[in-house]
Amino acid sequence: MYIGNNTIRWNEIHASNVHSVSGYFDGSVQISGNLIVSGNVTTTNVDTVIVSDPLIYLAGNNYSSDLVDIGFAGNYNDGTNRHTGLVRHASTDQYYLFKN
């Protein structure tokens, strides 16, 4: 069953539950409520990320054992492509602040 197409579009749809194999939005999307994204990779291609919470929580699945390194890294270019960041190495329990 199809509703609408590329030339005939519905102006507004109200539904309590929508299941889709794939989807595409060619305009703005506003979500009121929680957004849960399941998968192995989430890619955000934006210039700015604004988070109101003052805490970023990493390694949420590291409860049963201390197996993963925890940290963040960024890219910069001072004439050479370089990286900077902060990481806690799991095997040494040491923190490293790095650049270059």
PDB file of N, CA and C in Angstrom:
ATOM      1  N   MET A   1       0.847  -1.177   0.000  1.00  0.00           N
ATOM      2  CA  MET A   1       0.000   0.000   0.000  1.00  0.00           C
ATOM      3  C   MET A   1       0.887   1.233   0.000  1.00  0.00           C
ATOM      4  N   TYR A   2       0.632   2.145  -0.875  1.00  0.00           N
ATOM      5  CA  TYR A   2       1.395   3.380  -0.970  1.00  0.00           C
ATOM      6  C   TYR A   2       0.485   4.555  -0.649  1.00  0.00           C
ATOM      7  N   ILE A   3       1.045   5.536   0.059  1.00  0.00           N
ATOM      8  CA  ILE A   3       0.319   6.786   0.272  1.00  0.00           C
ATOM      9  C   ILE A   3       1.212   7.924  -0.212  1.00  0.00           C
ATOM     10  N   GLY A   4       0.741   8.672  -1.166  1.00  0.00           N
ATOM     11  CA  GLY A   4       1.516   9.766  -1.724  1.00  0.00           C
ATOM     12  C   GLY A   4       2.616   9.263  -2.637  1.00  0.00           C
ATOM     13  N   ASN A   5       3.282  10.200  -3.300  1.00  0.00           N
ATOM     14  CA  ASN A   5       4.430   9.887  -4.143  1.00  0.00           C
ATOM     15  C   ASN A   5       5.279  11.146  -4.261  1.00  0.00           C
ATOM     16  N   ASN A   6       6.223  11.173  -5.202  1.00  0.00           N
ATOM     17  CA  ASN A   6       7.121  12.318  -5.319  1.00  0.00           C
ATOM     18  C   ASN A   6       6.419  13.600  -5.759  1.00  0.00           C
ATOM     19  N   THR A   7       5.305  13.485  -6.448  1.00  0.00           N
ATOM     20  CA  THR A   7       4.598  14.683  -6.908  1.00  0.00           C
ATOM     21  C   THR A   7       3.341  14.972  -6.095  1.00  0.00           C
ATOM     22  N   ILE A   8       2.713  13.945  -5.553  1.00  0.00           N
ATOM     23  CA  ILE A   8       1.526  14.134  -4.711  1.00  0.00           C
ATOM     24  C   ILE A   8       1.924  13.807  -3.281  1.00  0.00           C
ATOM     25  N   ARG A   9       1.982  14.828  -2.437  1.00  0.00           N
ATOM     26  CA  ARG A   9       2.441  14.640  -1.056  1.00  0.00           C
ATOM     27  C   ARG A   9       1.346  14.979  -0.071  1.00  0.00           C
ATOM     28  N   TRP A  10       1.335  14.288   1.011  1.00  0.00           N
ATOM     29  CA  TRP A  10       0.416  14.586   2.088  1.00  0.00           C
ATOM     30  C   TRP A  10       0.995  15.749   2.883  1.00  0.00           C
ATOM     31  N   ASN A  11       0.188  16.675   3.254  1.00  0.00           N
ATOM     32  CA  ASN A  11       0.632  17.836   4.010  1.00  0.00           C
ATOM     33  C   ASN A  11       0.984  17.473   5.441  1.00  0.00           C
ATOM     34  N   GLU A  12       0.209  16.603   6.055  1.00  0.00           N
ATOM     35  CA  GLU A  12       0.434  16.257   7.455  1.00  0.00           C
ATOM     36  C   GLU A  12      -0.109  14.871   7.726  1.00  0.00           C
ATOM     37  N   ILE A  13       0.643  14.081   8.487  1.00  0.00           N
ATOM     38  CA  ILE A  13       0.210  12.742   8.864  1.00  0.00           C
ATOM     39  C   ILE A  13       0.310  12.622  10.375  1.00  0.00           C
ATOM     40  N   HIS A  14      -0.733  12.155  11.016  1.00  0.00           N
ATOM     41  CA  HIS A  14      -0.733  11.894  12.452  1.00  0.00           C
ATOM     42  C   HIS A  14      -0.833  10.391  12.649  1.00  0.00           C
ATOM     43  N   ALA A  15       0.144   9.811  13.333  1.00  0.00           N
ATOM     44  CA  ALA A  15       0.146   8.369  13.555  1.00  0.00           C
ATOM     45  C   ALA A  15       0.719   8.103  14.937  1.00  0.00           C
ATOM     46  N   SER A  16       0.247   7.066  15.589  1.00  0.00           N
ATOM     47  CA  SER A  16       0.756   6.745  16.917  1.00  0.00           C
ATOM     48  C   SER A  16       1.988   5.847  16.853  1.00  0.00           C
ATOM     49  N   ASN A  17       2.190   5.121  15.777  1.00  0.00           N
ATOM     50  CA  ASN A  17       3.322   4.222  15.670  1.00  0.00           C
ATOM     51  C   ASN A  17       3.628   4.000  14.185  1.00  0.00           C
ATOM     52  N   VAL A  18       4.872   4.247  13.778  1.00  0.00           N
ATOM     53  CA  VAL A  18       5.255   4.098  12.379  1.00  0.00           C
ATOM     54  C   VAL A  18       6.436   3.139  12.300  1.00  0.00           C
ATOM     55  N   HIS A  19       6.342   2.134  11.462  1.00  0.00           N
ATOM     56  CA  HIS A  19       7.438   1.194  11.219  1.00  0.00           C
ATOM     57  C   HIS A  19       7.843   1.346   9.759  1.00  0.00           C
ATOM     58  N   SER A  20       9.153   1.464   9.522  1.00  0.00           N
ATOM     59  CA  SER A  20       9.635   1.642   8.165  1.00  0.00           C
ATOM     60  C   SER A  20      10.965   0.917   7.994  1.00  0.00           C
ATOM     61  N   VAL A  21      11.213   0.368   6.830  1.00  0.00           N
ATOM     62  CA  VAL A  21      12.484  -0.282   6.533  1.00  0.00           C
ATOM     63  C   VAL A  21      13.546   0.778   6.275  1.00  0.00           C
ATOM     64  N   SER A  22      13.190   1.851   5.607  1.00  0.00           N
ATOM     65  CA  SER A  22      14.104   2.962   5.363  1.00  0.00           C
ATOM     66  C   SER A  22      13.285   4.234   5.271  1.00  0.00           C
ATOM     67  N   GLY A  23      13.971   5.355   5.320  1.00  0.00           N
ATOM     68  CA  GLY A  23      13.259   6.613   5.246  1.00  0.00           C
ATOM     69  C   GLY A  23      14.167   7.748   4.827  1.00  0.00           C
ATOM     70  N   TYR A  24      13.561   8.808   4.351  1.00  0.00           N
ATOM     71  CA  TYR A  24      14.311   9.969   3.904  1.00  0.00           C
ATOM     72  C   TYR A  24      13.478  11.201   4.186  1.00  0.00           C
ATOM     73  N   PHE A  25      14.102  12.212   4.783  1.00  0.00           N
ATOM     74  CA  PHE A  25      13.440  13.480   5.036  1.00  0.00           C
ATOM     75  C   PHE A  25      14.180  14.542   4.240  1.00  0.00           C
ATOM     76  N   ASP A  26      13.472  15.302   3.447  1.00  0.00           N
ATOM     77  CA  ASP A  26      14.126  16.337   2.655  1.00  0.00           C
ATOM     78  C   ASP A  26      13.840  17.729   3.220  1.00  0.00           C
ATOM     79  N   GLY A  27      13.590  17.785   4.519  1.00  0.00           N
ATOM     80  CA  GLY A  27      13.365  19.051   5.202  1.00  0.00           C
ATOM     81  C   GLY A  27      13.724  18.894   6.662  1.00  0.00           C
ATOM     82  N   SER A  28      13.339  19.827   7.472  1.00  0.00           N
ATOM     83  CA  SER A  28      13.634  19.787   8.903  1.00  0.00           C
ATOM     84  C   SER A  28      12.798  18.730   9.596  1.00  0.00           C
ATOM     85  N   VAL A  29      13.347  18.157  10.659  1.00  0.00           N
ATOM     86  CA  VAL A  29      12.648  17.169  11.469  1.00  0.00           C
ATOM     87  C   VAL A  29      12.713  17.637  12.911  1.00  0.00           C
ATOM     88  N   GLN A  30      11.580  17.710  13.569  1.00  0.00           N
ATOM     89  CA  GLN A  30      11.537  18.086  14.978  1.00  0.00           C
ATOM     90  C   GLN A  30      10.982  16.909  15.765  1.00  0.00           C
ATOM     91  N   ILE A  31      11.688  16.552  16.849  1.00  0.00           N
ATOM     92  CA  ILE A  31      11.279  15.429  17.676  1.00  0.00           C
ATOM     93  C   ILE A  31      11.009  15.948  19.080  1.00  0.00           C
ATOM     94  N   SER A  32       9.812  15.741  19.569  1.00  0.00           N
ATOM     95  CA  SER A  32       9.469  16.087  20.937  1.00  0.00           C
ATOM     96  C   SER A  32       9.458  14.799  21.740  1.00  0.00           C
ATOM     97  N   GLY A  33      10.387  14.662  22.658  1.00  0.00           N
ATOM     98  CA  GLY A  33      10.499  13.429  23.419  1.00  0.00           C
ATOM     99  C   GLY A  33      11.868  12.820  23.207  1.00  0.00           C
ATOM    100  N   ASN A  34      12.036  11.615  23.658  1.00  0.00           N
ATOM    101  CA  ASN A  34      13.322  10.929  23.584  1.00  0.00           C
ATOM    102  C   ASN A  34      13.567  10.388  22.179  1.00  0.00           C
ATOM    103  N   LEU A  35      14.833  10.388  21.781  1.00  0.00           N
ATOM    104  CA  LEU A  35      15.252   9.791  20.522  1.00  0.00           C
ATOM    105  C   LEU A  35      16.210   8.662  20.854  1.00  0.00           C
ATOM    106  N   ILE A  36      15.894   7.468  20.433  1.00  0.00           N
ATOM    107  CA  ILE A  36      16.739   6.303  20.663  1.00  0.00           C
ATOM    108  C   ILE A  36      17.235   5.830  19.306  1.00  0.00           C
ATOM    109  N   VAL A  37      18.555   5.779  19.138  1.00  0.00           N
ATOM    110  CA  VAL A  37      19.163   5.331  17.895  1.00  0.00           C
ATOM    111  C   VAL A  37      19.900   4.034  18.194  1.00  0.00           C
ATOM    112  N   SER A  38      19.524   2.961  17.517  1.00  0.00           N
ATOM    113  CA  SER A  38      20.159   1.662  17.711  1.00  0.00           C
ATOM    114  C   SER A  38      20.988   1.333  16.485  1.00  0.00           C
ATOM    115  N   GLY A  39      22.186   0.856  16.710  1.00  0.00           N
ATOM    116  CA  GLY A  39      23.066   0.493  15.610  1.00  0.00           C
ATOM    117  C   GLY A  39      24.502   0.576  16.074  1.00  0.00           C
ATOM    118  N   ASN A  40      25.420   0.256  15.196  1.00  0.00           N
ATOM    119  CA  ASN A  40      26.832   0.266  15.542  1.00  0.00           C
ATOM    120  C   ASN A  40      27.511   1.587  15.232  1.00  0.00           C
ATOM    121  N   VAL A  41      26.966   2.365  14.310  1.00  0.00           N
ATOM    122  CA  VAL A  41      27.592   3.624  13.914  1.00  0.00           C
ATOM    123  C   VAL A  41      26.512   4.695  13.803  1.00  0.00           C
ATOM    124  N   THR A  42      26.757   5.829  14.406  1.00  0.00           N
ATOM    125  CA  THR A  42      25.908   6.995  14.230  1.00  0.00           C
ATOM    126  C   THR A  42      26.784   8.109  13.682  1.00  0.00           C
ATOM    127  N   THR A  43      26.458   8.621  12.521  1.00  0.00           N
ATOM    128  CA  THR A  43      27.241   9.668  11.880  1.00  0.00           C
ATOM    129  C   THR A  43      26.447  10.962  11.909  1.00  0.00           C
ATOM    130  N   THR A  44      27.085  12.012  12.383  1.00  0.00           N
ATOM    131  CA  THR A  44      26.477  13.334  12.400  1.00  0.00           C
ATOM    132  C   THR A  44      27.347  14.256  11.567  1.00  0.00           C
ATOM    133  N   ASN A  45      26.841  14.730  10.465  1.00  0.00           N
ATOM    134  CA  ASN A  45      27.593  15.591   9.576  1.00  0.00           C
ATOM    135  C   ASN A  45      27.105  17.024   9.763  1.00  0.00           C
ATOM    136  N   VAL A  46      27.584  17.663  10.843  1.00  0.00           N
ATOM    137  CA  VAL A  46      27.163  19.016  11.173  1.00  0.00           C
ATOM    138  C   VAL A  46      28.391  19.845  11.548  1.00  0.00           C
ATOM    139  N   ASP A  47      28.247  21.157  11.533  1.00  0.00           N
ATOM    140  CA  ASP A  47      29.340  22.044  11.928  1.00  0.00           C
ATOM    141  C   ASP A  47      29.408  22.241  13.432  1.00  0.00           C
ATOM    142  N   THR A  48      28.274  22.187  14.110  1.00  0.00           N
ATOM    143  CA  THR A  48      28.223  22.448  15.544  1.00  0.00           C
ATOM    144  C   THR A  48      27.302  21.448  16.219  1.00  0.00           C
ATOM    145  N   VAL A  49      27.743  20.895  17.344  1.00  0.00           N
ATOM    146  CA  VAL A  49      26.897  20.055  18.185  1.00  0.00           C
ATOM    147  C   VAL A  49      26.733  20.793  19.508  1.00  0.00           C
ATOM    148  N   ILE A  50      25.509  21.054  19.905  1.00  0.00           N
ATOM    149  CA  ILE A  50      25.225  21.757  21.154  1.00  0.00           C
ATOM    150  C   ILE A  50      24.559  20.778  22.107  1.00  0.00           C
ATOM    151  N   VAL A  51      25.166  20.593  23.284  1.00  0.00           N
ATOM    152  CA  VAL A  51      24.633  19.697  24.298  1.00  0.00           C
ATOM    153  C   VAL A  51      24.392  20.517  25.556  1.00  0.00           C
ATOM    154  N   SER A  52      23.185  20.516  26.061  1.00  0.00           N
ATOM    155  CA  SER A  52      22.867  21.294  27.254  1.00  0.00           C
ATOM    156  C   SER A  52      23.407  20.662  28.528  1.00  0.00           C
ATOM    157  N   ASP A  53      23.494  19.344  28.557  1.00  0.00           N
ATOM    158  CA  ASP A  53      24.017  18.647  29.721  1.00  0.00           C
ATOM    159  C   ASP A  53      25.526  18.889  29.809  1.00  0.00           C
ATOM    160  N   PRO A  54      26.067  19.204  30.994  1.00  0.00           N
ATOM    161  CA  PRO A  54      27.491  19.490  31.100  1.00  0.00           C
ATOM    162  C   PRO A  54      28.374  18.244  31.132  1.00  0.00           C
ATOM    163  N   LEU A  55      27.806  17.065  30.992  1.00  0.00           N
ATOM    164  CA  LEU A  55      28.563  15.827  31.081  1.00  0.00           C
ATOM    165  C   LEU A  55      28.339  14.989  29.834  1.00  0.00           C
ATOM    166  N   ILE A  56      29.425  14.528  29.240  1.00  0.00           N
ATOM    167  CA  ILE A  56      29.349  13.579  28.132  1.00  0.00           C
ATOM    168  C   ILE A  56      29.771  12.230  28.700  1.00  0.00           C
ATOM    169  N   TYR A  57      28.905  11.242  28.592  1.00  0.00           N
ATOM    170  CA  TYR A  57      29.137   9.927  29.191  1.00  0.00           C
ATOM    171  C   TYR A  57      29.646   8.969  28.122  1.00  0.00           C
ATOM    172  N   LEU A  58      30.820   8.382  28.353  1.00  0.00           N
ATOM    173  CA  LEU A  58      31.427   7.459  27.400  1.00  0.00           C
ATOM    174  C   LEU A  58      31.600   6.080  28.031  1.00  0.00           C
ATOM    175  N   ALA A  59      31.738   5.073  27.221  1.00  0.00           N
ATOM    176  CA  ALA A  59      32.002   3.689  27.634  1.00  0.00           C
ATOM    177  C   ALA A  59      30.908   3.152  28.554  1.00  0.00           C
ATOM    178  N   GLY A  60      29.677   3.421  28.216  1.00  0.00           N
ATOM    179  CA  GLY A  60      28.541   2.962  29.006  1.00  0.00           C
ATOM    180  C   GLY A  60      28.398   1.456  29.057  1.00  0.00           C
ATOM    181  N   ASN A  61      29.049   0.731  28.155  1.00  0.00           N
ATOM    182  CA  ASN A  61      28.980  -0.734  28.150  1.00  0.00           C
ATOM    183  C   ASN A  61      30.207  -1.360  28.782  1.00  0.00           C
ATOM    184  N   ASN A  62      30.964  -0.629  29.571  1.00  0.00           N
ATOM    185  CA  ASN A  62      32.227  -1.104  30.150  1.00  0.00           C
ATOM    186  C   ASN A  62      32.053  -1.488  31.629  1.00  0.00           C
ATOM    187  N   TYR A  63      30.870  -1.976  32.006  1.00  0.00           N
ATOM    188  CA  TYR A  63      30.582  -2.281  33.413  1.00  0.00           C
ATOM    189  C   TYR A  63      31.206  -3.584  33.898  1.00  0.00           C
ATOM    190  N   SER A  64      31.181  -4.621  33.102  1.00  0.00           N
ATOM    191  CA  SER A  64      31.592  -5.938  33.583  1.00  0.00           C
ATOM    192  C   SER A  64      33.101  -6.099  33.667  1.00  0.00           C
ATOM    193  N   SER A  65      33.851  -5.374  32.849  1.00  0.00           N
ATOM    194  CA  SER A  65      35.313  -5.453  32.899  1.00  0.00           C
ATOM    195  C   SER A  65      35.887  -4.182  32.284  1.00  0.00           C
ATOM    196  N   ASP A  66      37.114  -3.907  32.575  1.00  0.00           N
ATOM    197  CA  ASP A  66      37.774  -2.695  32.098  1.00  0.00           C
ATOM    198  C   ASP A  66      38.551  -3.025  30.830  1.00  0.00           C
ATOM    199  N   LEU A  67      37.832  -3.180  29.706  1.00  0.00           N
ATOM    200  CA  LEU A  67      38.461  -3.642  28.479  1.00  0.00           C
ATOM    201  C   LEU A  67      38.688  -2.553  27.434  1.00  0.00           C
ATOM    202  N   VAL A  68      37.935  -1.471  27.486  1.00  0.00           N
ATOM    203  CA  VAL A  68      38.026  -0.485  26.408  1.00  0.00           C
ATOM    204  C   VAL A  68      38.704   0.791  26.886  1.00  0.00           C
ATOM    205  N   ASP A  69      39.450   1.409  25.987  1.00  0.00           N
ATOM    206  CA  ASP A  69      40.000   2.729  26.254  1.00  0.00           C
ATOM    207  C   ASP A  69      38.860   3.741  26.201  1.00  0.00           C
ATOM    208  N   ILE A  70      38.975   4.812  26.968  1.00  0.00           N
ATOM    209  CA  ILE A  70      37.929   5.821  27.046  1.00  0.00           C
ATOM    210  C   ILE A  70      38.553   7.173  26.729  1.00  0.00           C
ATOM    211  N   GLY A  71      37.923   7.930  25.852  1.00  0.00           N
ATOM    212  CA  GLY A  71      38.469   9.247  25.562  1.00  0.00           C
ATOM    213  C   GLY A  71      37.798   9.905  24.379  1.00  0.00           C
ATOM    214  N   PHE A  72      38.422  10.991  23.951  1.00  0.00           N
ATOM    215  CA  PHE A  72      37.931  11.700  22.782  1.00  0.00           C
ATOM    216  C   PHE A  72      39.121  12.266  22.026  1.00  0.00           C
ATOM    217  N   ALA A  73      38.948  12.476  20.742  1.00  0.00           N
ATOM    218  CA  ALA A  73      40.012  13.003  19.899  1.00  0.00           C
ATOM    219  C   ALA A  73      39.416  13.954  18.876  1.00  0.00           C
ATOM    220  N   GLY A  74      40.243  14.866  18.414  1.00  0.00           N
ATOM    221  CA  GLY A  74      39.837  15.805  17.382  1.00  0.00           C
ATOM    222  C   GLY A  74      40.961  15.986  16.379  1.00  0.00           C
ATOM    223  N   ASN A  75      40.599  16.459  15.207  1.00  0.00           N
ATOM    224  CA  ASN A  75      41.555  16.678  14.133  1.00  0.00           C
ATOM    225  C   ASN A  75      41.809  18.167  13.986  1.00  0.00           C
ATOM    226  N   TYR A  76      43.061  18.547  13.759  1.00  0.00           N
ATOM    227  CA  TYR A  76      43.398  19.928  13.412  1.00  0.00           C
ATOM    228  C   TYR A  76      44.523  19.916  12.403  1.00  0.00           C
ATOM    229  N   ASN A  77      44.723  21.052  11.740  1.00  0.00           N
ATOM    230  CA  ASN A  77      45.761  21.135  10.721  1.00  0.00           C
ATOM    231  C   ASN A  77      46.508  22.441  10.893  1.00  0.00           C
ATOM    232  N   ASP A  78      47.757  22.355  11.312  1.00  0.00           N
ATOM    233  CA  ASP A  78      48.633  23.519  11.448  1.00  0.00           C
ATOM    234  C   ASP A  78      49.670  23.514  10.329  1.00  0.00           C
ATOM    235  N   GLY A  79      49.276  23.035   9.173  1.00  0.00           N
ATOM    236  CA  GLY A  79      50.178  22.814   8.061  1.00  0.00           C
ATOM    237  C   GLY A  79      50.383  21.329   7.844  1.00  0.00           C
ATOM    238  N   THR A  80      50.118  20.550   8.886  1.00  0.00           N
ATOM    239  CA  THR A  80      50.164  19.093   8.839  1.00  0.00           C
ATOM    240  C   THR A  80      48.890  18.566   9.491  1.00  0.00           C
ATOM    241  N   ASN A  81      48.326  17.510   8.936  1.00  0.00           N
ATOM    242  CA  ASN A  81      47.140  16.896   9.521  1.00  0.00           C
ATOM    243  C   ASN A  81      47.516  16.232  10.842  1.00  0.00           C
ATOM    244  N   ARG A  82      46.913  16.689  11.957  1.00  0.00           N
ATOM    245  CA  ARG A  82      47.276  16.186  13.288  1.00  0.00           C
ATOM    246  C   ARG A  82      46.020  15.892  14.114  1.00  0.00           C
ATOM    247  N   HIS A  83      46.239  15.260  15.269  1.00  0.00           N
ATOM    248  CA  HIS A  83      45.148  14.925  16.183  1.00  0.00           C
ATOM    249  C   HIS A  83      45.516  15.354  17.601  1.00  0.00           C
ATOM    250  N   THR A  84      44.479  15.646  18.393  1.00  0.00           N
ATOM    251  CA  THR A  84      44.653  15.987  19.792  1.00  0.00           C
ATOM    252  C   THR A  84      43.511  15.356  20.582  1.00  0.00           C
ATOM    253  N   GLY A  85      43.735  15.098  21.870  1.00  0.00           N
ATOM    254  CA  GLY A  85      42.653  14.510  22.645  1.00  0.00           C
ATOM    255  C   GLY A  85      43.074  14.087  24.035  1.00  0.00           C
ATOM    256  N   LEU A  86      42.178  13.397  24.677  1.00  0.00           N
ATOM    257  CA  LEU A  86      42.379  12.869  26.022  1.00  0.00           C
ATOM    258  C   LEU A  86      41.885  11.433  26.018  1.00  0.00           C
ATOM    259  N   VAL A  87      42.707  10.528  26.531  1.00  0.00           N
ATOM    260  CA  VAL A  87      42.318   9.124  26.553  1.00  0.00           C
ATOM    261  C   VAL A  87      42.790   8.474  27.850  1.00  0.00           C
ATOM    262  N   ARG A  88      41.986   7.549  28.358  1.00  0.00           N
ATOM    263  CA  ARG A  88      42.376   6.700  29.486  1.00  0.00           C
ATOM    264  C   ARG A  88      42.624   5.314  28.912  1.00  0.00           C
ATOM    265  N   HIS A  89      43.843   4.836  29.027  1.00  0.00           N
ATOM    266  CA  HIS A  89      44.220   3.535  28.492  1.00  0.00           C
ATOM    267  C   HIS A  89      43.778   2.454  29.481  1.00  0.00           C
ATOM    268  N   ALA A  90      42.972   1.493  29.045  1.00  0.00           N
ATOM    269  CA  ALA A  90      42.381   0.489  29.939  1.00  0.00           C
ATOM    270  C   ALA A  90      43.432  -0.413  30.580  1.00  0.00           C
ATOM    271  N   SER A  91      44.436  -0.815  29.834  1.00  0.00           N
ATOM    272  CA  SER A  91      45.391  -1.782  30.384  1.00  0.00           C
ATOM    273  C   SER A  91      46.360  -1.157  31.390  1.00  0.00           C
ATOM    274  N   THR A  92      46.617   0.148  31.286  1.00  0.00           N
ATOM    275  CA  THR A  92      47.566   0.792  32.211  1.00  0.00           C
ATOM    276  C   THR A  92      46.882   1.647  33.263  1.00  0.00           C
ATOM    277  N   ASP A  93      45.583   1.933  33.086  1.00  0.00           N
ATOM    278  CA  ASP A  93      44.831   2.805  33.989  1.00  0.00           C
ATOM    279  C   ASP A  93      45.440   4.209  34.043  1.00  0.00           C
ATOM    280  N   GLN A  94      46.103   4.619  32.969  1.00  0.00           N
ATOM    281  CA  GLN A  94      46.738   5.935  32.887  1.00  0.00           C
ATOM    282  C   GLN A  94      45.956   6.832  31.933  1.00  0.00           C
ATOM    283  N   TYR A  95      45.965   8.138  32.218  1.00  0.00           N
ATOM    284  CA  TYR A  95      45.354   9.136  31.355  1.00  0.00           C
ATOM    285  C   TYR A  95      46.424   9.805  30.507  1.00  0.00           C
ATOM    286  N   TYR A  96      46.093  10.058  29.242  1.00  0.00           N
ATOM    287  CA  TYR A  96      47.044  10.687  28.334  1.00  0.00           C
ATOM    288  C   TYR A  96      46.355  11.854  27.649  1.00  0.00           C
ATOM    289  N   LEU A  97      46.948  13.025  27.782  1.00  0.00           N
ATOM    290  CA  LEU A  97      46.538  14.205  27.042  1.00  0.00           C
ATOM    291  C   LEU A  97      47.536  14.321  25.896  1.00  0.00           C
ATOM    292  N   PHE A  98      47.064  14.290  24.652  1.00  0.00           N
ATOM    293  CA  PHE A  98      48.001  14.216  23.544  1.00  0.00           C
ATOM    294  C   PHE A  98      47.707  15.262  22.483  1.00  0.00           C
ATOM    295  N   LYS A  99      48.736  15.605  21.729  1.00  0.00           N
ATOM    296  CA  LYS A  99      48.623  16.453  20.560  1.00  0.00           C
ATOM    297  C   LYS A  99      49.663  15.998  19.542  1.00  0.00           C
ATOM    298  N   ASN A 100      49.537  16.482  18.337  1.00  0.00           N
ATOM    299  CA  ASN A 100      50.436  16.159  17.229  1.00  0.00           C
ATOM    300  C   ASN A 100      50.324  14.695  16.827  1.00  0.00           C
TER     301      ASN A 100
END
